[in-house]
Amino acid sequence: MDIRNAARLEAEQTLDQSLVTELFHPRNDGIQDYSIAQATVPAGSSTRRHAHKRAQEVYYILDGEGLMEVGNESERVGPGDAILIPAGTPHRITAMWPKRLDLLCICCPEYADDDTEILEPVPV
């Protein structure tokens, strides 16, 4: 049995500026064709608007509230919400003040930096 706990794993900042803890990914584990990671967006912060050329993605909100933007649509999201992000669709999420936003990111095929296109400059 393979059990992962995000609190015991090292987090890394991704291209979209979220803090991500990779739970399962084909390059490290016995899974195929998808990846799952826990991401944290600090209160009042946003990920950078980005798109994945090949991967479709699902965000599943664990804790906190946010404003989810997918394409030209935006909507408030909170715990228990799952958001489908089609491949090639620009998206970003903003954590509403005063609480950080914790979510799962499930990508199929698996997440890859070279599949991620950042669509806005790095915040100053």
N, C-alpha and C. Protein backbone atom coordinates (compact mmCIF):
# COMPACT_ATOMS: atom_id res chain seq x y z
N MET A 1 0.85 -1.18 0.00
CA MET A 1 0.00 0.00 0.00
C MET A 1 0.89 1.23 0.00
N ASP A 2 0.53 2.20 -0.82
CA ASP A 2 1.32 3.42 -0.94
C ASP A 2 0.45 4.59 -0.48
N ILE A 3 0.80 5.16 0.66
CA ILE A 3 0.03 6.27 1.24
C ILE A 3 0.93 7.49 1.30
N ARG A 4 0.41 8.62 0.85
CA ARG A 4 1.16 9.88 0.89
C ARG A 4 0.42 10.88 1.76
N ASN A 5 1.17 11.65 2.52
CA ASN A 5 0.60 12.71 3.33
C ASN A 5 1.32 14.00 2.95
N ALA A 6 0.56 14.96 2.44
CA ALA A 6 1.15 16.21 1.94
C ALA A 6 1.96 16.93 3.01
N ALA A 7 1.56 16.82 4.27
CA ALA A 7 2.26 17.50 5.36
C ALA A 7 3.68 16.94 5.56
N ARG A 8 3.91 15.73 5.08
CA ARG A 8 5.23 15.10 5.25
C ARG A 8 6.10 15.17 4.00
N LEU A 9 5.61 15.83 2.97
CA LEU A 9 6.35 15.94 1.71
C LEU A 9 6.80 17.37 1.48
N GLU A 10 7.82 17.54 0.67
CA GLU A 10 8.35 18.87 0.39
C GLU A 10 7.53 19.56 -0.70
N ALA A 11 7.19 20.81 -0.48
CA ALA A 11 6.44 21.60 -1.45
C ALA A 11 7.42 22.41 -2.32
N GLU A 12 6.99 22.67 -3.55
CA GLU A 12 7.79 23.47 -4.48
C GLU A 12 6.90 24.53 -5.12
N GLN A 13 7.49 25.67 -5.45
CA GLN A 13 6.74 26.70 -6.16
C GLN A 13 6.74 26.35 -7.65
N THR A 14 5.56 26.38 -8.28
CA THR A 14 5.44 26.02 -9.68
C THR A 14 5.49 27.26 -10.57
N LEU A 15 5.44 27.03 -11.86
CA LEU A 15 5.48 28.13 -12.82
C LEU A 15 4.34 29.12 -12.62
N ASP A 16 3.17 28.63 -12.13
CA ASP A 16 2.03 29.54 -11.95
C ASP A 16 2.06 30.27 -10.61
N GLN A 17 3.12 30.06 -9.82
CA GLN A 17 3.35 30.73 -8.54
C GLN A 17 2.57 30.13 -7.36
N SER A 18 1.94 28.96 -7.53
CA SER A 18 1.34 28.30 -6.38
C SER A 18 2.39 27.41 -5.73
N LEU A 19 2.15 27.04 -4.49
CA LEU A 19 3.03 26.16 -3.75
C LEU A 19 2.43 24.76 -3.83
N VAL A 20 3.14 23.83 -4.46
CA VAL A 20 2.57 22.52 -4.79
C VAL A 20 3.37 21.39 -4.14
N THR A 21 2.62 20.45 -3.58
CA THR A 21 3.19 19.21 -3.06
C THR A 21 2.71 18.08 -3.95
N GLU A 22 3.64 17.51 -4.67
CA GLU A 22 3.31 16.42 -5.59
C GLU A 22 3.01 15.15 -4.79
N LEU A 23 1.83 14.59 -4.98
CA LEU A 23 1.45 13.37 -4.27
C LEU A 23 1.79 12.13 -5.09
N PHE A 24 1.35 12.11 -6.34
CA PHE A 24 1.67 11.00 -7.24
C PHE A 24 1.92 11.55 -8.63
N HIS A 25 2.98 11.05 -9.29
CA HIS A 25 3.34 11.45 -10.64
C HIS A 25 4.03 10.27 -11.31
N PRO A 26 3.76 10.01 -12.59
CA PRO A 26 4.36 8.86 -13.27
C PRO A 26 5.89 8.81 -13.21
N ARG A 27 6.57 9.95 -13.16
CA ARG A 27 8.04 9.92 -13.16
C ARG A 27 8.60 9.36 -11.85
N ASN A 28 7.76 9.33 -10.78
CA ASN A 28 8.24 8.85 -9.48
C ASN A 28 7.49 7.64 -8.94
N ASP A 29 6.33 7.35 -9.51
CA ASP A 29 5.44 6.36 -8.92
C ASP A 29 4.94 5.39 -9.97
N GLY A 30 4.23 4.37 -9.54
CA GLY A 30 3.74 3.35 -10.45
C GLY A 30 2.44 3.69 -11.15
N ILE A 31 2.09 4.98 -11.22
CA ILE A 31 0.85 5.36 -11.90
C ILE A 31 1.15 5.72 -13.35
N GLN A 32 0.10 5.81 -14.15
CA GLN A 32 0.27 6.18 -15.56
C GLN A 32 -0.78 7.19 -15.96
N ASP A 33 -0.38 8.12 -16.81
CA ASP A 33 -1.30 9.01 -17.52
C ASP A 33 -1.94 10.12 -16.70
N TYR A 34 -1.64 10.27 -15.43
CA TYR A 34 -2.19 11.39 -14.66
C TYR A 34 -1.25 11.71 -13.51
N SER A 35 -1.48 12.89 -12.92
CA SER A 35 -0.74 13.26 -11.71
C SER A 35 -1.72 13.94 -10.76
N ILE A 36 -1.38 13.91 -9.48
CA ILE A 36 -2.19 14.58 -8.47
C ILE A 36 -1.26 15.28 -7.49
N ALA A 37 -1.60 16.53 -7.19
CA ALA A 37 -0.79 17.33 -6.28
C ALA A 37 -1.71 18.19 -5.42
N GLN A 38 -1.22 18.55 -4.24
CA GLN A 38 -1.94 19.50 -3.40
C GLN A 38 -1.27 20.85 -3.57
N ALA A 39 -2.09 21.87 -3.82
CA ALA A 39 -1.57 23.23 -4.02
C ALA A 39 -2.12 24.16 -2.95
N THR A 40 -1.32 25.16 -2.62
CA THR A 40 -1.72 26.20 -1.69
C THR A 40 -1.50 27.56 -2.34
N VAL A 41 -2.53 28.41 -2.26
CA VAL A 41 -2.44 29.78 -2.75
C VAL A 41 -2.63 30.68 -1.53
N PRO A 42 -1.64 31.52 -1.19
CA PRO A 42 -1.77 32.38 -0.01
C PRO A 42 -2.98 33.32 -0.10
N ALA A 43 -3.52 33.69 1.04
CA ALA A 43 -4.68 34.60 1.11
C ALA A 43 -4.42 35.86 0.31
N GLY A 44 -5.37 36.24 -0.53
CA GLY A 44 -5.25 37.45 -1.32
C GLY A 44 -4.38 37.34 -2.55
N SER A 45 -3.78 36.17 -2.78
CA SER A 45 -2.89 35.97 -3.93
C SER A 45 -3.60 35.19 -5.02
N SER A 46 -3.03 35.27 -6.22
CA SER A 46 -3.54 34.53 -7.38
C SER A 46 -2.43 33.71 -8.00
N THR A 47 -2.81 32.63 -8.66
CA THR A 47 -1.86 31.96 -9.53
C THR A 47 -1.73 32.83 -10.78
N ARG A 48 -0.67 32.64 -11.53
CA ARG A 48 -0.53 33.35 -12.80
C ARG A 48 -1.44 32.69 -13.82
N ARG A 49 -2.08 33.49 -14.64
CA ARG A 49 -2.94 32.96 -15.69
C ARG A 49 -2.09 32.07 -16.60
N HIS A 50 -2.55 30.85 -16.83
CA HIS A 50 -1.77 29.90 -17.62
C HIS A 50 -2.70 28.91 -18.31
N ALA A 51 -2.13 28.10 -19.20
CA ALA A 51 -2.87 27.05 -19.88
C ALA A 51 -1.94 25.85 -20.06
N HIS A 52 -2.54 24.69 -20.16
CA HIS A 52 -1.79 23.46 -20.44
C HIS A 52 -2.17 23.01 -21.85
N LYS A 53 -1.18 22.86 -22.71
CA LYS A 53 -1.45 22.54 -24.11
C LYS A 53 -2.10 21.17 -24.28
N ARG A 54 -1.62 20.16 -23.54
CA ARG A 54 -2.12 18.80 -23.69
C ARG A 54 -3.02 18.35 -22.55
N ALA A 55 -2.72 18.77 -21.36
CA ALA A 55 -3.40 18.22 -20.18
C ALA A 55 -4.72 18.93 -19.89
N GLN A 56 -5.74 18.12 -19.60
CA GLN A 56 -6.93 18.68 -18.97
C GLN A 56 -6.67 18.59 -17.47
N GLU A 57 -7.31 19.46 -16.72
CA GLU A 57 -7.02 19.54 -15.28
C GLU A 57 -8.32 19.67 -14.51
N VAL A 58 -8.32 19.13 -13.31
CA VAL A 58 -9.43 19.32 -12.38
C VAL A 58 -8.84 19.93 -11.11
N TYR A 59 -9.43 21.02 -10.65
CA TYR A 59 -9.12 21.57 -9.34
C TYR A 59 -10.22 21.10 -8.40
N TYR A 60 -9.83 20.56 -7.24
CA TYR A 60 -10.80 20.17 -6.22
C TYR A 60 -10.48 20.97 -4.96
N ILE A 61 -11.40 21.83 -4.54
CA ILE A 61 -11.14 22.74 -3.42
C ILE A 61 -11.28 21.99 -2.10
N LEU A 62 -10.22 22.02 -1.30
CA LEU A 62 -10.20 21.38 0.01
C LEU A 62 -10.60 22.33 1.12
N ASP A 63 -10.03 23.56 1.09
CA ASP A 63 -10.26 24.52 2.17
C ASP A 63 -10.05 25.93 1.64
N GLY A 64 -10.79 26.87 2.18
CA GLY A 64 -10.69 28.26 1.77
C GLY A 64 -11.69 28.54 0.65
N GLU A 65 -11.74 29.81 0.25
CA GLU A 65 -12.61 30.22 -0.84
C GLU A 65 -11.79 30.95 -1.87
N GLY A 66 -12.23 30.87 -3.12
CA GLY A 66 -11.47 31.50 -4.18
C GLY A 66 -12.35 32.00 -5.29
N LEU A 67 -11.72 32.72 -6.20
CA LEU A 67 -12.36 33.14 -7.43
C LEU A 67 -11.65 32.36 -8.54
N MET A 68 -12.40 31.48 -9.22
CA MET A 68 -11.85 30.65 -10.28
C MET A 68 -12.16 31.29 -11.62
N GLU A 69 -11.14 31.43 -12.45
CA GLU A 69 -11.31 31.95 -13.80
C GLU A 69 -10.91 30.86 -14.79
N VAL A 70 -11.84 30.51 -15.66
CA VAL A 70 -11.60 29.52 -16.71
C VAL A 70 -12.09 30.13 -18.02
N GLY A 71 -11.17 30.34 -18.95
CA GLY A 71 -11.53 31.03 -20.18
C GLY A 71 -12.01 32.43 -19.85
N ASN A 72 -13.20 32.79 -20.30
CA ASN A 72 -13.77 34.12 -20.04
C ASN A 72 -14.77 34.11 -18.90
N GLU A 73 -14.88 33.00 -18.18
CA GLU A 73 -15.84 32.89 -17.08
C GLU A 73 -15.13 32.96 -15.74
N SER A 74 -15.82 33.48 -14.72
CA SER A 74 -15.28 33.46 -13.36
C SER A 74 -16.41 33.17 -12.39
N GLU A 75 -16.06 32.47 -11.32
CA GLU A 75 -17.07 32.11 -10.32
C GLU A 75 -16.38 31.84 -8.98
N ARG A 76 -17.08 32.18 -7.90
CA ARG A 76 -16.55 31.87 -6.56
C ARG A 76 -16.64 30.38 -6.33
N VAL A 77 -15.61 29.84 -5.68
CA VAL A 77 -15.56 28.41 -5.38
C VAL A 77 -15.15 28.21 -3.92
N GLY A 78 -15.51 27.05 -3.38
CA GLY A 78 -15.17 26.74 -2.00
C GLY A 78 -15.08 25.24 -1.79
N PRO A 79 -14.90 24.81 -0.54
CA PRO A 79 -14.69 23.40 -0.22
C PRO A 79 -15.75 22.49 -0.86
N GLY A 80 -15.25 21.43 -1.49
CA GLY A 80 -16.11 20.46 -2.15
C GLY A 80 -16.35 20.74 -3.61
N ASP A 81 -15.98 21.93 -4.10
CA ASP A 81 -16.17 22.25 -5.52
C ASP A 81 -15.06 21.60 -6.35
N ALA A 82 -15.45 21.02 -7.48
CA ALA A 82 -14.52 20.47 -8.46
C ALA A 82 -14.70 21.26 -9.75
N ILE A 83 -13.61 21.73 -10.32
CA ILE A 83 -13.66 22.58 -11.50
C ILE A 83 -12.91 21.88 -12.63
N LEU A 84 -13.58 21.66 -13.76
CA LEU A 84 -12.95 21.05 -14.92
C LEU A 84 -12.33 22.15 -15.78
N ILE A 85 -11.06 21.97 -16.12
CA ILE A 85 -10.33 22.93 -16.95
C ILE A 85 -9.88 22.20 -18.21
N PRO A 86 -10.56 22.43 -19.34
CA PRO A 86 -10.19 21.73 -20.57
C PRO A 86 -8.78 22.10 -21.03
N ALA A 87 -8.12 21.17 -21.70
CA ALA A 87 -6.78 21.42 -22.25
C ALA A 87 -6.82 22.66 -23.12
N GLY A 88 -5.77 23.49 -23.02
CA GLY A 88 -5.64 24.68 -23.83
C GLY A 88 -6.41 25.89 -23.33
N THR A 89 -7.14 25.75 -22.23
CA THR A 89 -7.98 26.85 -21.72
C THR A 89 -7.23 27.67 -20.67
N PRO A 90 -7.11 28.98 -20.87
CA PRO A 90 -6.46 29.82 -19.86
C PRO A 90 -7.23 29.78 -18.54
N HIS A 91 -6.49 29.76 -17.44
CA HIS A 91 -7.13 29.71 -16.13
C HIS A 91 -6.21 30.25 -15.04
N ARG A 92 -6.84 30.65 -13.94
CA ARG A 92 -6.12 31.03 -12.72
C ARG A 92 -7.13 31.02 -11.59
N ILE A 93 -6.60 30.98 -10.36
CA ILE A 93 -7.45 31.01 -9.18
C ILE A 93 -6.86 32.00 -8.19
N THR A 94 -7.75 32.72 -7.51
CA THR A 94 -7.37 33.70 -6.50
C THR A 94 -7.93 33.26 -5.16
N ALA A 95 -7.09 33.27 -4.13
CA ALA A 95 -7.54 32.95 -2.77
C ALA A 95 -8.16 34.18 -2.15
N MET A 96 -9.38 34.06 -1.66
CA MET A 96 -10.07 35.19 -1.05
C MET A 96 -9.50 35.45 0.34
N TRP A 97 -9.34 36.71 0.68
CA TRP A 97 -8.87 37.13 1.99
C TRP A 97 -9.91 36.75 3.01
N PRO A 98 -9.63 36.31 4.21
CA PRO A 98 -8.34 36.31 4.89
C PRO A 98 -7.69 34.93 4.98
N LYS A 99 -8.17 33.96 4.20
CA LYS A 99 -7.70 32.58 4.37
C LYS A 99 -7.01 32.08 3.11
N ARG A 100 -5.99 31.28 3.30
CA ARG A 100 -5.33 30.66 2.15
C ARG A 100 -6.29 29.65 1.51
N LEU A 101 -5.97 29.25 0.29
CA LEU A 101 -6.77 28.30 -0.46
C LEU A 101 -5.97 27.03 -0.65
N ASP A 102 -6.54 25.90 -0.27
CA ASP A 102 -5.90 24.59 -0.46
C ASP A 102 -6.74 23.80 -1.45
N LEU A 103 -6.08 23.21 -2.44
CA LEU A 103 -6.80 22.47 -3.46
C LEU A 103 -5.97 21.32 -3.99
N LEU A 104 -6.65 20.35 -4.59
CA LEU A 104 -5.98 19.29 -5.32
C LEU A 104 -5.98 19.66 -6.79
N CYS A 105 -4.87 19.34 -7.47
CA CYS A 105 -4.75 19.54 -8.91
C CYS A 105 -4.53 18.17 -9.54
N ILE A 106 -5.47 17.74 -10.36
CA ILE A 106 -5.38 16.45 -11.02
C ILE A 106 -5.22 16.72 -12.51
N CYS A 107 -4.13 16.27 -13.10
CA CYS A 107 -3.85 16.50 -14.51
C CYS A 107 -3.83 15.18 -15.28
N CYS A 108 -4.42 15.20 -16.49
CA CYS A 108 -4.41 14.03 -17.36
C CYS A 108 -4.21 14.51 -18.79
N PRO A 109 -3.10 14.19 -19.48
CA PRO A 109 -1.99 13.45 -18.93
C PRO A 109 -1.29 14.24 -17.82
N GLU A 110 -0.31 13.63 -17.21
CA GLU A 110 0.34 14.20 -16.03
C GLU A 110 0.91 15.60 -16.28
N TYR A 111 1.03 16.36 -15.18
CA TYR A 111 1.59 17.70 -15.22
C TYR A 111 3.03 17.66 -15.76
N ALA A 112 3.34 18.64 -16.61
CA ALA A 112 4.71 18.83 -17.10
C ALA A 112 4.95 20.32 -17.30
N ASP A 113 6.12 20.81 -16.88
CA ASP A 113 6.45 22.22 -17.08
C ASP A 113 6.38 22.61 -18.55
N ASP A 114 6.85 21.72 -19.44
CA ASP A 114 6.87 22.08 -20.86
C ASP A 114 5.48 22.05 -21.50
N ASP A 115 4.47 21.62 -20.75
CA ASP A 115 3.08 21.65 -21.21
C ASP A 115 2.36 22.89 -20.67
N THR A 116 3.05 23.69 -19.86
CA THR A 116 2.44 24.83 -19.20
C THR A 116 2.90 26.13 -19.86
N GLU A 117 1.93 26.91 -20.33
CA GLU A 117 2.22 28.19 -20.95
C GLU A 117 1.73 29.30 -20.02
N ILE A 118 2.65 30.13 -19.52
CA ILE A 118 2.28 31.25 -18.66
C ILE A 118 1.83 32.40 -19.56
N LEU A 119 0.66 32.97 -19.25
CA LEU A 119 0.03 33.95 -20.12
C LEU A 119 0.08 35.38 -19.59
N GLU A 120 0.84 35.59 -18.53
CA GLU A 120 0.98 36.95 -17.98
C GLU A 120 2.36 37.07 -17.35
N PRO A 121 2.86 38.29 -17.21
CA PRO A 121 4.21 38.46 -16.64
C PRO A 121 4.25 38.11 -15.16
N VAL A 122 5.46 37.89 -14.69
CA VAL A 122 5.68 37.61 -13.27
C VAL A 122 5.27 38.85 -12.47
N PRO A 123 4.48 38.67 -11.38
CA PRO A 123 4.12 39.83 -10.56
C PRO A 123 5.35 40.47 -9.94
N VAL A 124 5.31 41.78 -9.78
CA VAL A 124 6.44 42.52 -9.22
C VAL A 124 6.30 42.63 -7.72
